[in-house]
Amino acid sequence: LLHVSAVGLLAYEAGVPHEIPNKMAEYLSAGVPVISSLPGFTADWLVREGCGLSYNANDATSLVGAITSMFSGDRRDAMSLKARQAFRAHLDAEKVYADMILFMENLVLSKKGID
């Protein structure tokens, strides 16, 4: 289904805890740009990476505006390319785990000989 989807929707009520949901990574991995109601880090990240838009939770007019904006001109296609790039650069398990292993190795090496 992801590969035939035009956009991924992260529709959350206002006030829910807002981390990066797994669903966002799934959308991005398939090159599906995201429209999200999550504020803060998620909203900033989507804009910074150029792979999604935000709207105000519980506000249908804001959602319609985001959808309209997403489908103006070739914006959705451009965001689709950015979605894949953002996933590969920041969320792909091979990248994330490789960085985590390097961090742990450096941590262990920095503590060697310290009791």
C-alpha atoms as a PDB file:
ATOM      1  CA  LEU A   1       0.000   0.000   0.000  1.00  0.00           C
ATOM      2  CA  LEU A   2       2.780   2.454   0.760  1.00  0.00           C
ATOM      3  CA  HIS A   3       4.104   2.347  -2.780  1.00  0.00           C
ATOM      4  CA  VAL A   4       0.753   3.472  -4.200  1.00  0.00           C
ATOM      5  CA  SER A   5       0.156   6.123  -1.529  1.00  0.00           C
ATOM      6  CA  ALA A   6       0.471   9.782  -2.482  1.00  0.00           C
ATOM      7  CA  VAL A   7       0.897  11.067   1.069  1.00  0.00           C
ATOM      8  CA  GLY A   8       1.179   9.715   4.606  1.00  0.00           C
ATOM      9  CA  LEU A   9      -1.024  11.276   7.253  1.00  0.00           C
ATOM     10  CA  LEU A  10      -0.004  11.531  10.901  1.00  0.00           C
ATOM     11  CA  ALA A  11      -3.261  12.731  12.439  1.00  0.00           C
ATOM     12  CA  TYR A  12      -2.943  13.132  16.199  1.00  0.00           C
ATOM     13  CA  GLU A  13      -5.118  15.074  18.612  1.00  0.00           C
ATOM     14  CA  ALA A  14      -3.622  18.162  20.186  1.00  0.00           C
ATOM     15  CA  GLY A  15      -1.667  17.497  23.348  1.00  0.00           C
ATOM     16  CA  VAL A  16      -0.531  13.912  22.705  1.00  0.00           C
ATOM     17  CA  PRO A  17       3.127  13.181  23.487  1.00  0.00           C
ATOM     18  CA  HIS A  18       5.027  13.916  20.297  1.00  0.00           C
ATOM     19  CA  GLU A  19       8.071  11.908  19.451  1.00  0.00           C
ATOM     20  CA  ILE A  20       8.844  10.678  15.950  1.00  0.00           C
ATOM     21  CA  PRO A  21       6.258   7.939  15.353  1.00  0.00           C
ATOM     22  CA  ASN A  22       7.327   4.710  13.630  1.00  0.00           C
ATOM     23  CA  LYS A  23       4.675   5.304  10.995  1.00  0.00           C
ATOM     24  CA  MET A  24       6.585   8.372   9.807  1.00  0.00           C
ATOM     25  CA  ALA A  25       9.708   6.290   9.150  1.00  0.00           C
ATOM     26  CA  GLU A  26       7.613   3.741   7.256  1.00  0.00           C
ATOM     27  CA  TYR A  27       6.142   6.459   5.034  1.00  0.00           C
ATOM     28  CA  LEU A  28       9.524   8.049   4.371  1.00  0.00           C
ATOM     29  CA  SER A  29      11.192   4.716   3.587  1.00  0.00           C
ATOM     30  CA  ALA A  30       8.733   4.283   0.712  1.00  0.00           C
ATOM     31  CA  GLY A  31       9.233   7.843  -0.524  1.00  0.00           C
ATOM     32  CA  VAL A  32       5.847   8.958   0.762  1.00  0.00           C
ATOM     33  CA  PRO A  33       5.855  12.568   1.986  1.00  0.00           C
ATOM     34  CA  VAL A  34       4.124  13.240   5.298  1.00  0.00           C
ATOM     35  CA  ILE A  35       1.428  15.605   6.511  1.00  0.00           C
ATOM     36  CA  SER A  36       1.485  15.705  10.305  1.00  0.00           C
ATOM     37  CA  SER A  37      -0.378  17.344  13.164  1.00  0.00           C
ATOM     38  CA  LEU A  38       2.529  16.772  15.551  1.00  0.00           C
ATOM     39  CA  PRO A  39       4.179  20.042  16.645  1.00  0.00           C
ATOM     40  CA  GLY A  40       7.723  20.628  17.831  1.00  0.00           C
ATOM     41  CA  PHE A  41      10.515  18.337  16.744  1.00  0.00           C
ATOM     42  CA  THR A  42       8.473  16.370  14.194  1.00  0.00           C
ATOM     43  CA  ALA A  43       7.126  19.510  12.499  1.00  0.00           C
ATOM     44  CA  ASP A  44      10.561  21.148  12.456  1.00  0.00           C
ATOM     45  CA  TRP A  45      12.235  17.992  11.137  1.00  0.00           C
ATOM     46  CA  LEU A  46       9.753  17.553   8.271  1.00  0.00           C
ATOM     47  CA  VAL A  47      10.272  21.156   7.180  1.00  0.00           C
ATOM     48  CA  ARG A  48      14.065  21.025   7.574  1.00  0.00           C
ATOM     49  CA  GLU A  49      14.302  17.824   5.529  1.00  0.00           C
ATOM     50  CA  GLY A  50      11.786  19.083   2.943  1.00  0.00           C
ATOM     51  CA  CYS A  51       9.760  15.870   3.101  1.00  0.00           C
ATOM     52  CA  GLY A  52       6.514  16.949   4.697  1.00  0.00           C
ATOM     53  CA  LEU A  53       4.136  19.574   5.986  1.00  0.00           C
ATOM     54  CA  SER A  54       2.389  20.268   9.253  1.00  0.00           C
ATOM     55  CA  TYR A  55      -1.107  21.313  10.124  1.00  0.00           C
ATOM     56  CA  ASN A  56      -2.817  22.310  13.354  1.00  0.00           C
ATOM     57  CA  ALA A  57      -4.341  19.356  15.198  1.00  0.00           C
ATOM     58  CA  ASN A  58      -8.139  19.304  15.415  1.00  0.00           C
ATOM     59  CA  ASP A  59      -8.366  21.929  12.646  1.00  0.00           C
ATOM     60  CA  ALA A  60      -9.918  20.642   9.413  1.00  0.00           C
ATOM     61  CA  THR A  61      -9.251  23.903   7.586  1.00  0.00           C
ATOM     62  CA  SER A  62      -5.559  23.660   8.416  1.00  0.00           C
ATOM     63  CA  LEU A  63      -5.476  20.057   7.173  1.00  0.00           C
ATOM     64  CA  VAL A  64      -7.168  21.032   3.893  1.00  0.00           C
ATOM     65  CA  GLY A  65      -4.587  23.805   3.500  1.00  0.00           C
ATOM     66  CA  ALA A  66      -1.703  21.364   3.979  1.00  0.00           C
ATOM     67  CA  ILE A  67      -3.178  18.898   1.491  1.00  0.00           C
ATOM     68  CA  THR A  68      -3.770  21.663  -1.056  1.00  0.00           C
ATOM     69  CA  SER A  69      -0.216  22.917  -0.579  1.00  0.00           C
ATOM     70  CA  MET A  70       1.227  19.403  -0.923  1.00  0.00           C
ATOM     71  CA  PHE A  71      -0.457  18.901  -4.280  1.00  0.00           C
ATOM     72  CA  SER A  72       0.333  22.302  -5.780  1.00  0.00           C
ATOM     73  CA  GLY A  73       2.602  22.065  -8.797  1.00  0.00           C
ATOM     74  CA  ASP A  74       5.273  19.391  -8.454  1.00  0.00           C
ATOM     75  CA  ARG A  75       5.729  19.898  -4.714  1.00  0.00           C
ATOM     76  CA  ARG A  76       4.570  16.381  -3.771  1.00  0.00           C
ATOM     77  CA  ASP A  77       6.999  14.787  -6.239  1.00  0.00           C
ATOM     78  CA  ALA A  78       9.892  16.877  -4.904  1.00  0.00           C
ATOM     79  CA  MET A  79       8.955  15.956  -1.328  1.00  0.00           C
ATOM     80  CA  SER A  80       8.803  12.301  -2.315  1.00  0.00           C
ATOM     81  CA  LEU A  81      12.454  12.393  -3.377  1.00  0.00           C
ATOM     82  CA  LYS A  82      13.364  14.238  -0.175  1.00  0.00           C
ATOM     83  CA  ALA A  83      11.442  11.629   1.858  1.00  0.00           C
ATOM     84  CA  ARG A  84      13.670   8.819   0.591  1.00  0.00           C
ATOM     85  CA  GLN A  85      16.798  10.908   1.113  1.00  0.00           C
ATOM     86  CA  ALA A  86      15.813  11.825   4.672  1.00  0.00           C
ATOM     87  CA  PHE A  87      15.053   8.213   5.522  1.00  0.00           C
ATOM     88  CA  ARG A  88      18.391   6.978   4.198  1.00  0.00           C
ATOM     89  CA  ALA A  89      20.335   9.755   5.916  1.00  0.00           C
ATOM     90  CA  HIS A  90      18.682   9.639   9.340  1.00  0.00           C
ATOM     91  CA  LEU A  91      16.350   6.695   9.922  1.00  0.00           C
ATOM     92  CA  ASP A  92      17.604   3.671   7.985  1.00  0.00           C
ATOM     93  CA  ALA A  93      18.488   0.884  10.431  1.00  0.00           C
ATOM     94  CA  GLU A  94      21.896   0.304   8.809  1.00  0.00           C
ATOM     95  CA  LYS A  95      22.837   3.947   9.396  1.00  0.00           C
ATOM     96  CA  VAL A  96      21.300   4.232  12.849  1.00  0.00           C
ATOM     97  CA  TYR A  97      22.815   0.988  14.143  1.00  0.00           C
ATOM     98  CA  ALA A  98      26.226   1.693  12.624  1.00  0.00           C
ATOM     99  CA  ASP A  99      26.289   5.088  14.355  1.00  0.00           C
ATOM    100  CA  MET A 100      25.131   3.516  17.618  1.00  0.00           C
ATOM    101  CA  ILE A 101      27.837   0.838  17.487  1.00  0.00           C
ATOM    102  CA  LEU A 102      30.500   3.464  16.824  1.00  0.00           C
ATOM    103  CA  PHE A 103      29.228   5.527  19.749  1.00  0.00           C
ATOM    104  CA  MET A 104      29.289   2.503  22.083  1.00  0.00           C
ATOM    105  CA  GLU A 105      32.773   1.466  20.961  1.00  0.00           C
ATOM    106  CA  ASN A 106      34.087   4.986  21.582  1.00  0.00           C
ATOM    107  CA  LEU A 107      32.398   5.058  24.966  1.00  0.00           C
ATOM    108  CA  VAL A 108      33.985   1.763  25.997  1.00  0.00           C
ATOM    109  CA  LEU A 109      37.396   2.859  24.727  1.00  0.00           C
ATOM    110  CA  SER A 110      37.170   6.147  26.626  1.00  0.00           C
ATOM    111  CA  LYS A 111      36.406   4.257  29.874  1.00  0.00           C
ATOM    112  CA  LYS A 112      39.116   1.597  29.534  1.00  0.00           C
ATOM    113  CA  GLY A 113      41.400   1.580  32.495  1.00  0.00           C
ATOM    114  CA  ILE A 114      39.019   3.664  34.604  1.00  0.00           C
ATOM    115  CA  ASP A 115      37.636   1.799  37.617  1.00  0.00           C
END
